[in-house]
Amino acid sequence: MDEQINILAELIKAQKALDAAISAILNPPKIKEKFPDIPKLIMSHCIAYYEITVKEFKSGSRKREHVFARYIFFRLAKETSRKTLSLADLGSYVGKDHSSVLHGFKELKNAELTNDNLWLDFLNIRANVTQSLNKFVFDQIEEDKPKEIDE
């Protein structure tokens, strides 16, 4: 008799787990907050990484850190926009035209091939942006997780 009760208890526990799994599949978690403006998020990471101001970032300055921040922004914004932003769109974020964006892509490609500091900066900023986006999504999912049922 005790064995049958234990089996029944295990079946009920398994059914609850199955119900929760089916519910998660049929009702995926919803993102409650508006997803962040990704190009602006990338811009903020570039600015923070190089410790420059928004004005310096958007200026025509040719200081190395200002130029590198813009190049990295162009590449990351293009990667994360799933190619929906045109070169002109990317340039408009910083007051540049499409040719500046193309030049930035070329400089980053050269840096990648030579393992230059610019490429290392790019990898670090990309990791920071990815971490921010993942945190946003996971925080939203955590809020939607069904609460554990006490047995």
N, C-alpha and C. Protein backbone atom coordinates (compact mmCIF):
# COMPACT_ATOMS: atom_id res chain seq x y z
N MET A 1 0.82 -1.19 0.00
CA MET A 1 0.00 0.00 0.00
C MET A 1 0.87 1.27 0.00
N ASP A 2 1.91 1.26 0.86
CA ASP A 2 2.81 2.41 0.92
C ASP A 2 3.52 2.62 -0.42
N GLU A 3 3.85 1.52 -1.06
CA GLU A 3 4.52 1.62 -2.36
C GLU A 3 3.60 2.27 -3.39
N GLN A 4 2.33 1.93 -3.34
CA GLN A 4 1.36 2.51 -4.29
C GLN A 4 1.18 4.00 -4.02
N ILE A 5 1.19 4.40 -2.76
CA ILE A 5 1.06 5.82 -2.41
C ILE A 5 2.29 6.58 -2.90
N ASN A 6 3.47 5.99 -2.73
CA ASN A 6 4.71 6.63 -3.20
C ASN A 6 4.69 6.78 -4.72
N ILE A 7 4.23 5.74 -5.41
CA ILE A 7 4.15 5.81 -6.88
C ILE A 7 3.16 6.89 -7.29
N LEU A 8 2.01 6.95 -6.60
CA LEU A 8 1.00 7.96 -6.90
C LEU A 8 1.56 9.37 -6.65
N ALA A 9 2.30 9.54 -5.56
CA ALA A 9 2.91 10.84 -5.24
C ALA A 9 3.91 11.24 -6.33
N GLU A 10 4.71 10.27 -6.77
CA GLU A 10 5.67 10.54 -7.85
C GLU A 10 4.96 10.91 -9.15
N LEU A 11 3.86 10.24 -9.46
CA LEU A 11 3.09 10.55 -10.66
C LEU A 11 2.51 11.95 -10.60
N ILE A 12 2.01 12.33 -9.43
CA ILE A 12 1.46 13.68 -9.27
C ILE A 12 2.56 14.72 -9.43
N LYS A 13 3.72 14.47 -8.85
CA LYS A 13 4.86 15.39 -8.97
C LYS A 13 5.29 15.51 -10.43
N ALA A 14 5.36 14.37 -11.13
CA ALA A 14 5.74 14.38 -12.54
C ALA A 14 4.70 15.12 -13.38
N GLN A 15 3.42 14.95 -13.05
CA GLN A 15 2.36 15.64 -13.78
C GLN A 15 2.47 17.15 -13.59
N LYS A 16 2.77 17.60 -12.37
CA LYS A 16 2.94 19.03 -12.11
C LYS A 16 4.11 19.60 -12.92
N ALA A 17 5.20 18.86 -12.96
CA ALA A 17 6.37 19.30 -13.74
C ALA A 17 6.03 19.36 -15.22
N LEU A 18 5.29 18.36 -15.70
CA LEU A 18 4.89 18.34 -17.10
C LEU A 18 3.95 19.50 -17.40
N ASP A 19 3.01 19.77 -16.51
CA ASP A 19 2.09 20.90 -16.69
C ASP A 19 2.84 22.22 -16.76
N ALA A 20 3.83 22.37 -15.88
CA ALA A 20 4.63 23.61 -15.86
C ALA A 20 5.41 23.74 -17.17
N ALA A 21 5.99 22.65 -17.66
CA ALA A 21 6.75 22.69 -18.91
C ALA A 21 5.86 23.03 -20.09
N ILE A 22 4.68 22.42 -20.14
CA ILE A 22 3.73 22.71 -21.23
C ILE A 22 3.28 24.16 -21.16
N SER A 23 3.02 24.65 -19.96
CA SER A 23 2.60 26.04 -19.78
C SER A 23 3.69 27.00 -20.27
N ALA A 24 4.95 26.67 -19.96
CA ALA A 24 6.07 27.53 -20.39
C ALA A 24 6.19 27.54 -21.91
N ILE A 25 5.90 26.41 -22.54
CA ILE A 25 5.99 26.34 -24.00
C ILE A 25 4.82 27.10 -24.64
N LEU A 26 3.64 26.90 -24.11
CA LEU A 26 2.45 27.53 -24.70
C LEU A 26 2.33 29.00 -24.35
N ASN A 27 2.91 29.41 -23.24
CA ASN A 27 2.85 30.80 -22.79
C ASN A 27 4.26 31.30 -22.52
N PRO A 28 5.03 31.56 -23.58
CA PRO A 28 6.42 31.99 -23.35
C PRO A 28 6.45 33.30 -22.58
N PRO A 29 7.54 33.54 -21.86
CA PRO A 29 7.64 34.77 -21.08
C PRO A 29 7.56 35.99 -21.99
N LYS A 30 6.91 37.02 -21.48
CA LYS A 30 6.77 38.25 -22.25
C LYS A 30 7.73 39.29 -21.68
N ILE A 31 8.29 40.07 -22.57
CA ILE A 31 9.15 41.17 -22.16
C ILE A 31 8.21 42.31 -21.76
N LYS A 32 8.23 42.68 -20.48
CA LYS A 32 7.30 43.68 -19.99
C LYS A 32 7.74 45.09 -20.36
N GLU A 33 9.02 45.33 -20.23
CA GLU A 33 9.53 46.66 -20.55
C GLU A 33 9.83 46.75 -22.04
N LYS A 34 9.83 47.97 -22.52
CA LYS A 34 10.22 48.17 -23.91
C LYS A 34 11.69 47.81 -24.05
N PHE A 35 11.99 47.08 -25.11
CA PHE A 35 13.38 46.69 -25.35
C PHE A 35 14.20 47.96 -25.55
N PRO A 36 15.41 48.01 -25.01
CA PRO A 36 16.21 49.24 -25.12
C PRO A 36 16.56 49.56 -26.57
N ASP A 37 16.76 50.85 -26.83
CA ASP A 37 17.22 51.31 -28.15
C ASP A 37 18.67 50.85 -28.26
N ILE A 38 18.90 49.82 -29.05
CA ILE A 38 20.21 49.17 -29.08
C ILE A 38 21.32 50.11 -29.55
N PRO A 39 21.14 50.88 -30.63
CA PRO A 39 22.24 51.79 -30.99
C PRO A 39 22.60 52.77 -29.87
N LYS A 40 21.60 53.25 -29.14
CA LYS A 40 21.91 54.17 -28.03
C LYS A 40 22.60 53.43 -26.88
N LEU A 41 22.22 52.19 -26.66
CA LEU A 41 22.90 51.38 -25.65
C LEU A 41 24.36 51.18 -26.03
N ILE A 42 24.61 50.87 -27.29
CA ILE A 42 25.98 50.68 -27.78
C ILE A 42 26.77 51.97 -27.63
N MET A 43 26.13 53.08 -28.01
CA MET A 43 26.79 54.37 -27.90
C MET A 43 27.20 54.64 -26.45
N SER A 44 26.31 54.35 -25.52
CA SER A 44 26.63 54.60 -24.10
C SER A 44 27.80 53.74 -23.64
N HIS A 45 27.88 52.50 -24.13
CA HIS A 45 29.01 51.64 -23.76
C HIS A 45 30.32 52.14 -24.36
N CYS A 46 30.27 52.60 -25.60
CA CYS A 46 31.49 53.15 -26.24
C CYS A 46 31.97 54.38 -25.49
N ILE A 47 31.03 55.25 -25.14
CA ILE A 47 31.37 56.49 -24.42
C ILE A 47 31.96 56.17 -23.05
N ALA A 48 31.34 55.23 -22.35
CA ALA A 48 31.83 54.86 -21.01
C ALA A 48 33.21 54.20 -21.10
N TYR A 49 33.40 53.32 -22.07
CA TYR A 49 34.66 52.60 -22.20
C TYR A 49 35.83 53.55 -22.43
N TYR A 50 35.63 54.53 -23.31
CA TYR A 50 36.71 55.47 -23.63
C TYR A 50 36.71 56.70 -22.73
N GLU A 51 35.75 56.76 -21.80
CA GLU A 51 35.66 57.88 -20.86
C GLU A 51 35.63 59.22 -21.58
N ILE A 52 34.71 59.33 -22.54
CA ILE A 52 34.52 60.58 -23.28
C ILE A 52 33.07 61.03 -23.10
N THR A 53 32.78 62.22 -23.55
CA THR A 53 31.41 62.75 -23.44
C THR A 53 30.64 62.47 -24.73
N VAL A 54 29.33 62.63 -24.66
CA VAL A 54 28.50 62.47 -25.85
C VAL A 54 28.91 63.51 -26.90
N LYS A 55 29.19 64.72 -26.43
CA LYS A 55 29.60 65.78 -27.35
C LYS A 55 30.89 65.40 -28.08
N GLU A 56 31.84 64.86 -27.36
CA GLU A 56 33.10 64.43 -27.97
C GLU A 56 32.87 63.28 -28.94
N PHE A 57 31.98 62.36 -28.55
CA PHE A 57 31.67 61.20 -29.40
C PHE A 57 31.07 61.65 -30.73
N LYS A 58 30.19 62.64 -30.67
CA LYS A 58 29.50 63.09 -31.88
C LYS A 58 30.24 64.20 -32.62
N SER A 59 31.35 64.65 -32.06
CA SER A 59 32.09 65.75 -32.68
C SER A 59 32.90 65.25 -33.88
N GLY A 60 33.49 66.16 -34.56
CA GLY A 60 34.36 65.81 -35.67
C GLY A 60 35.79 65.57 -35.23
N SER A 61 35.98 65.44 -33.92
CA SER A 61 37.32 65.28 -33.36
C SER A 61 38.03 64.07 -33.96
N ARG A 62 39.33 64.23 -34.16
CA ARG A 62 40.13 63.13 -34.68
C ARG A 62 41.00 62.51 -33.61
N LYS A 63 40.70 62.83 -32.34
CA LYS A 63 41.44 62.19 -31.26
C LYS A 63 41.18 60.70 -31.34
N ARG A 64 42.23 59.95 -31.08
CA ARG A 64 42.18 58.50 -31.23
C ARG A 64 40.98 57.86 -30.53
N GLU A 65 40.77 58.21 -29.24
CA GLU A 65 39.68 57.57 -28.50
C GLU A 65 38.30 57.96 -29.04
N HIS A 66 38.17 59.16 -29.58
CA HIS A 66 36.89 59.58 -30.16
C HIS A 66 36.62 58.81 -31.45
N VAL A 67 37.64 58.71 -32.28
CA VAL A 67 37.50 58.00 -33.55
C VAL A 67 37.26 56.51 -33.32
N PHE A 68 38.02 55.91 -32.40
CA PHE A 68 37.85 54.48 -32.12
C PHE A 68 36.45 54.20 -31.58
N ALA A 69 35.96 55.06 -30.72
CA ALA A 69 34.61 54.87 -30.15
C ALA A 69 33.57 54.86 -31.27
N ARG A 70 33.74 55.77 -32.23
CA ARG A 70 32.79 55.82 -33.36
C ARG A 70 32.91 54.58 -34.24
N TYR A 71 34.11 54.14 -34.53
CA TYR A 71 34.30 52.95 -35.37
C TYR A 71 33.64 51.72 -34.73
N ILE A 72 33.87 51.57 -33.44
CA ILE A 72 33.29 50.43 -32.74
C ILE A 72 31.77 50.54 -32.71
N PHE A 73 31.27 51.74 -32.49
CA PHE A 73 29.81 51.95 -32.52
C PHE A 73 29.25 51.51 -33.87
N PHE A 74 29.87 51.95 -34.95
CA PHE A 74 29.37 51.61 -36.30
C PHE A 74 29.26 50.10 -36.47
N ARG A 75 30.32 49.39 -36.11
CA ARG A 75 30.35 47.95 -36.33
C ARG A 75 29.32 47.22 -35.45
N LEU A 76 29.28 47.57 -34.16
CA LEU A 76 28.35 46.89 -33.26
C LEU A 76 26.90 47.22 -33.60
N ALA A 77 26.63 48.45 -33.97
CA ALA A 77 25.26 48.82 -34.33
C ALA A 77 24.82 48.08 -35.59
N LYS A 78 25.73 47.91 -36.53
CA LYS A 78 25.41 47.16 -37.75
C LYS A 78 25.17 45.69 -37.42
N GLU A 79 26.01 45.11 -36.59
CA GLU A 79 25.86 43.70 -36.21
C GLU A 79 24.55 43.45 -35.50
N THR A 80 24.21 44.31 -34.55
CA THR A 80 23.03 44.07 -33.72
C THR A 80 21.72 44.51 -34.37
N SER A 81 21.80 45.31 -35.40
CA SER A 81 20.56 45.77 -36.05
C SER A 81 20.08 44.77 -37.08
N ARG A 82 20.78 43.65 -37.17
CA ARG A 82 20.46 42.63 -38.17
C ARG A 82 20.44 43.24 -39.57
N LYS A 83 21.35 44.15 -39.73
CA LYS A 83 21.58 44.79 -41.02
C LYS A 83 20.40 45.64 -41.50
N THR A 84 19.50 46.05 -40.59
CA THR A 84 18.38 46.90 -41.00
C THR A 84 18.76 48.37 -41.06
N LEU A 85 19.85 48.75 -40.42
CA LEU A 85 20.28 50.14 -40.48
C LEU A 85 21.23 50.32 -41.67
N SER A 86 20.96 51.33 -42.47
CA SER A 86 21.84 51.62 -43.60
C SER A 86 23.11 52.31 -43.09
N LEU A 87 24.09 52.43 -43.95
CA LEU A 87 25.32 53.13 -43.56
C LEU A 87 25.02 54.58 -43.22
N ALA A 88 24.11 55.19 -43.98
CA ALA A 88 23.73 56.58 -43.70
C ALA A 88 23.03 56.68 -42.34
N ASP A 89 22.18 55.69 -42.02
CA ASP A 89 21.50 55.68 -40.72
C ASP A 89 22.52 55.62 -39.58
N LEU A 90 23.50 54.74 -39.73
CA LEU A 90 24.53 54.61 -38.70
C LEU A 90 25.30 55.92 -38.53
N GLY A 91 25.67 56.51 -39.64
CA GLY A 91 26.41 57.76 -39.58
C GLY A 91 25.61 58.89 -38.95
N SER A 92 24.29 58.88 -39.17
CA SER A 92 23.46 59.96 -38.65
C SER A 92 23.44 59.99 -37.11
N TYR A 93 23.72 58.87 -36.47
CA TYR A 93 23.77 58.85 -35.01
C TYR A 93 24.90 59.73 -34.48
N VAL A 94 25.95 59.88 -35.26
CA VAL A 94 27.11 60.65 -34.80
C VAL A 94 27.44 61.83 -35.71
N GLY A 95 26.53 62.18 -36.60
CA GLY A 95 26.76 63.33 -37.47
C GLY A 95 27.77 63.07 -38.57
N LYS A 96 27.89 61.83 -39.01
CA LYS A 96 28.82 61.47 -40.08
C LYS A 96 28.04 60.92 -41.26
N ASP A 97 28.72 60.81 -42.40
CA ASP A 97 28.05 60.25 -43.58
C ASP A 97 28.46 58.79 -43.78
N HIS A 98 27.90 58.18 -44.81
CA HIS A 98 28.15 56.75 -45.05
C HIS A 98 29.62 56.42 -45.29
N SER A 99 30.36 57.36 -45.87
CA SER A 99 31.77 57.06 -46.15
C SER A 99 32.59 56.94 -44.86
N SER A 100 32.22 57.70 -43.84
CA SER A 100 32.90 57.58 -42.54
C SER A 100 32.62 56.21 -41.93
N VAL A 101 31.39 55.73 -42.11
CA VAL A 101 31.03 54.41 -41.58
C VAL A 101 31.84 53.34 -42.31
N LEU A 102 31.91 53.42 -43.61
CA LEU A 102 32.70 52.45 -44.39
C LEU A 102 34.16 52.46 -43.97
N HIS A 103 34.70 53.66 -43.76
CA HIS A 103 36.09 53.78 -43.32
C HIS A 103 36.27 53.11 -41.95
N GLY A 104 35.30 53.30 -41.06
CA GLY A 104 35.36 52.66 -39.74
C GLY A 104 35.36 51.15 -39.84
N PHE A 105 34.52 50.61 -40.73
CA PHE A 105 34.49 49.16 -40.94
C PHE A 105 35.86 48.66 -41.41
N LYS A 106 36.44 49.40 -42.35
CA LYS A 106 37.73 49.00 -42.91
C LYS A 106 38.82 49.04 -41.84
N GLU A 107 38.82 50.07 -41.03
CA GLU A 107 39.84 50.19 -39.97
C GLU A 107 39.70 49.07 -38.95
N LEU A 108 38.47 48.72 -38.60
CA LEU A 108 38.27 47.61 -37.66
C LEU A 108 38.71 46.29 -38.26
N LYS A 109 38.46 46.10 -39.54
CA LYS A 109 38.90 44.87 -40.21
C LYS A 109 40.42 44.77 -40.17
N ASN A 110 41.10 45.87 -40.46
CA ASN A 110 42.57 45.89 -40.40
C ASN A 110 43.06 45.60 -38.98
N ALA A 111 42.37 46.16 -37.99
CA ALA A 111 42.76 45.94 -36.59
C ALA A 111 42.58 44.48 -36.22
N GLU A 112 41.52 43.86 -36.75
CA GLU A 112 41.27 42.45 -36.47
C GLU A 112 42.41 41.59 -37.03
N LEU A 113 42.84 41.90 -38.22
CA LEU A 113 43.89 41.13 -38.87
C LEU A 113 45.24 41.28 -38.18
N THR A 114 45.49 42.45 -37.59
CA THR A 114 46.77 42.70 -36.94
C THR A 114 46.71 42.52 -35.43
N ASN A 115 45.53 42.17 -34.91
CA ASN A 115 45.31 42.00 -33.47
C ASN A 115 45.69 43.27 -32.72
N ASP A 116 45.33 44.35 -33.26
CA ASP A 116 45.60 45.70 -32.76
C ASP A 116 44.79 45.98 -31.48
N ASN A 117 45.19 47.02 -30.73
CA ASN A 117 44.45 47.42 -29.52
C ASN A 117 43.01 47.82 -29.84
N LEU A 118 42.79 48.40 -31.01
CA LEU A 118 41.43 48.75 -31.42
C LEU A 118 40.55 47.51 -31.45
N TRP A 119 41.09 46.40 -31.94
CA TRP A 119 40.32 45.16 -32.00
C TRP A 119 40.02 44.64 -30.59
N LEU A 120 40.99 44.75 -29.69
CA LEU A 120 40.76 44.33 -28.30
C LEU A 120 39.69 45.19 -27.64
N ASP A 121 39.73 46.49 -27.90
CA ASP A 121 38.69 47.39 -27.38
C ASP A 121 37.32 46.99 -27.93
N PHE A 122 37.28 46.68 -29.21
CA PHE A 122 36.02 46.25 -29.84
C PHE A 122 35.48 45.01 -29.14
N LEU A 123 36.33 44.02 -28.92
CA LEU A 123 35.89 42.78 -28.27
C LEU A 123 35.38 43.04 -26.85
N ASN A 124 36.06 43.90 -26.12
CA ASN A 124 35.64 44.24 -24.75
C ASN A 124 34.28 44.94 -24.75
N ILE A 125 34.12 45.92 -25.64
CA ILE A 125 32.85 46.65 -25.68
C ILE A 125 31.72 45.73 -26.15
N ARG A 126 32.01 44.87 -27.12
CA ARG A 126 30.98 43.93 -27.58
C ARG A 126 30.54 43.01 -26.44
N ALA A 127 31.49 42.56 -25.64
CA ALA A 127 31.15 41.72 -24.49
C ALA A 127 30.28 42.48 -23.49
N ASN A 128 30.61 43.75 -23.25
CA ASN A 128 29.81 44.57 -22.32
C ASN A 128 28.39 44.77 -22.83
N VAL A 129 28.26 45.05 -24.12
CA VAL A 129 26.93 45.26 -24.71
C VAL A 129 26.13 43.96 -24.63
N THR A 130 26.75 42.86 -24.98
CA THR A 130 26.07 41.56 -24.93
C THR A 130 25.61 41.25 -23.51
N GLN A 131 26.46 41.53 -22.55
CA GLN A 131 26.10 41.28 -21.15
C GLN A 131 24.91 42.15 -20.74
N SER A 132 24.88 43.41 -21.16
CA SER A 132 23.75 44.29 -20.83
C SER A 132 22.45 43.79 -21.44
N LEU A 133 22.51 43.37 -22.70
CA LEU A 133 21.30 42.87 -23.36
C LEU A 133 20.83 41.57 -22.73
N ASN A 134 21.75 40.67 -22.42
CA ASN A 134 21.38 39.42 -21.77
C ASN A 134 20.75 39.66 -20.40
N LYS A 135 21.33 40.58 -19.65
CA LYS A 135 20.80 40.90 -18.33
C LYS A 135 19.37 41.43 -18.45
N PHE A 136 19.14 42.30 -19.41
CA PHE A 136 17.79 42.84 -19.61
C PHE A 136 16.80 41.72 -19.88
N VAL A 137 17.13 40.84 -20.81
CA VAL A 137 16.22 39.75 -21.18
C VAL A 137 16.01 38.79 -20.01
N PHE A 138 17.10 38.38 -19.35
CA PHE A 138 16.97 37.43 -18.25
C PHE A 138 16.19 38.02 -17.09
N ASP A 139 16.37 39.31 -16.82
CA ASP A 139 15.60 39.95 -15.75
C ASP A 139 14.11 39.91 -16.06
N GLN A 140 13.76 40.11 -17.32
CA GLN A 140 12.36 40.06 -17.72
C GLN A 140 11.80 38.65 -17.56
N ILE A 141 12.59 37.65 -17.96
CA ILE A 141 12.13 36.26 -17.88
C ILE A 141 11.97 35.84 -16.42
N GLU A 142 12.90 36.24 -15.56
CA GLU A 142 12.83 35.87 -14.14
C GLU A 142 11.53 36.36 -13.52
N GLU A 143 11.07 37.56 -13.91
CA GLU A 143 9.84 38.10 -13.36
C GLU A 143 8.63 37.25 -13.78
N ASP A 144 8.69 36.60 -14.92
CA ASP A 144 7.57 35.84 -15.44
C ASP A 144 7.59 34.38 -15.06
N LYS A 145 8.66 33.91 -14.41
CA LYS A 145 8.75 32.50 -14.04
C LYS A 145 7.61 32.13 -13.11
N PRO A 146 6.99 30.97 -13.35
CA PRO A 146 5.94 30.53 -12.42
C PRO A 146 6.57 30.23 -11.06
N LYS A 147 5.84 30.55 -10.02
CA LYS A 147 6.32 30.29 -8.67
C LYS A 147 6.26 28.78 -8.40
N GLU A 148 7.19 28.31 -7.61
CA GLU A 148 7.23 26.90 -7.24
C GLU A 148 6.00 26.56 -6.41
N ILE A 149 5.43 25.41 -6.67
CA ILE A 149 4.27 24.96 -5.91
C ILE A 149 4.77 24.15 -4.73
N ASP A 150 4.33 24.55 -3.55
CA ASP A 150 4.73 23.81 -2.34
C ASP A 150 4.07 22.44 -2.34
N GLU A 151 4.82 21.47 -1.93
CA GLU A 151 4.28 20.11 -1.90
C GLU A 151 3.72 19.79 -0.55
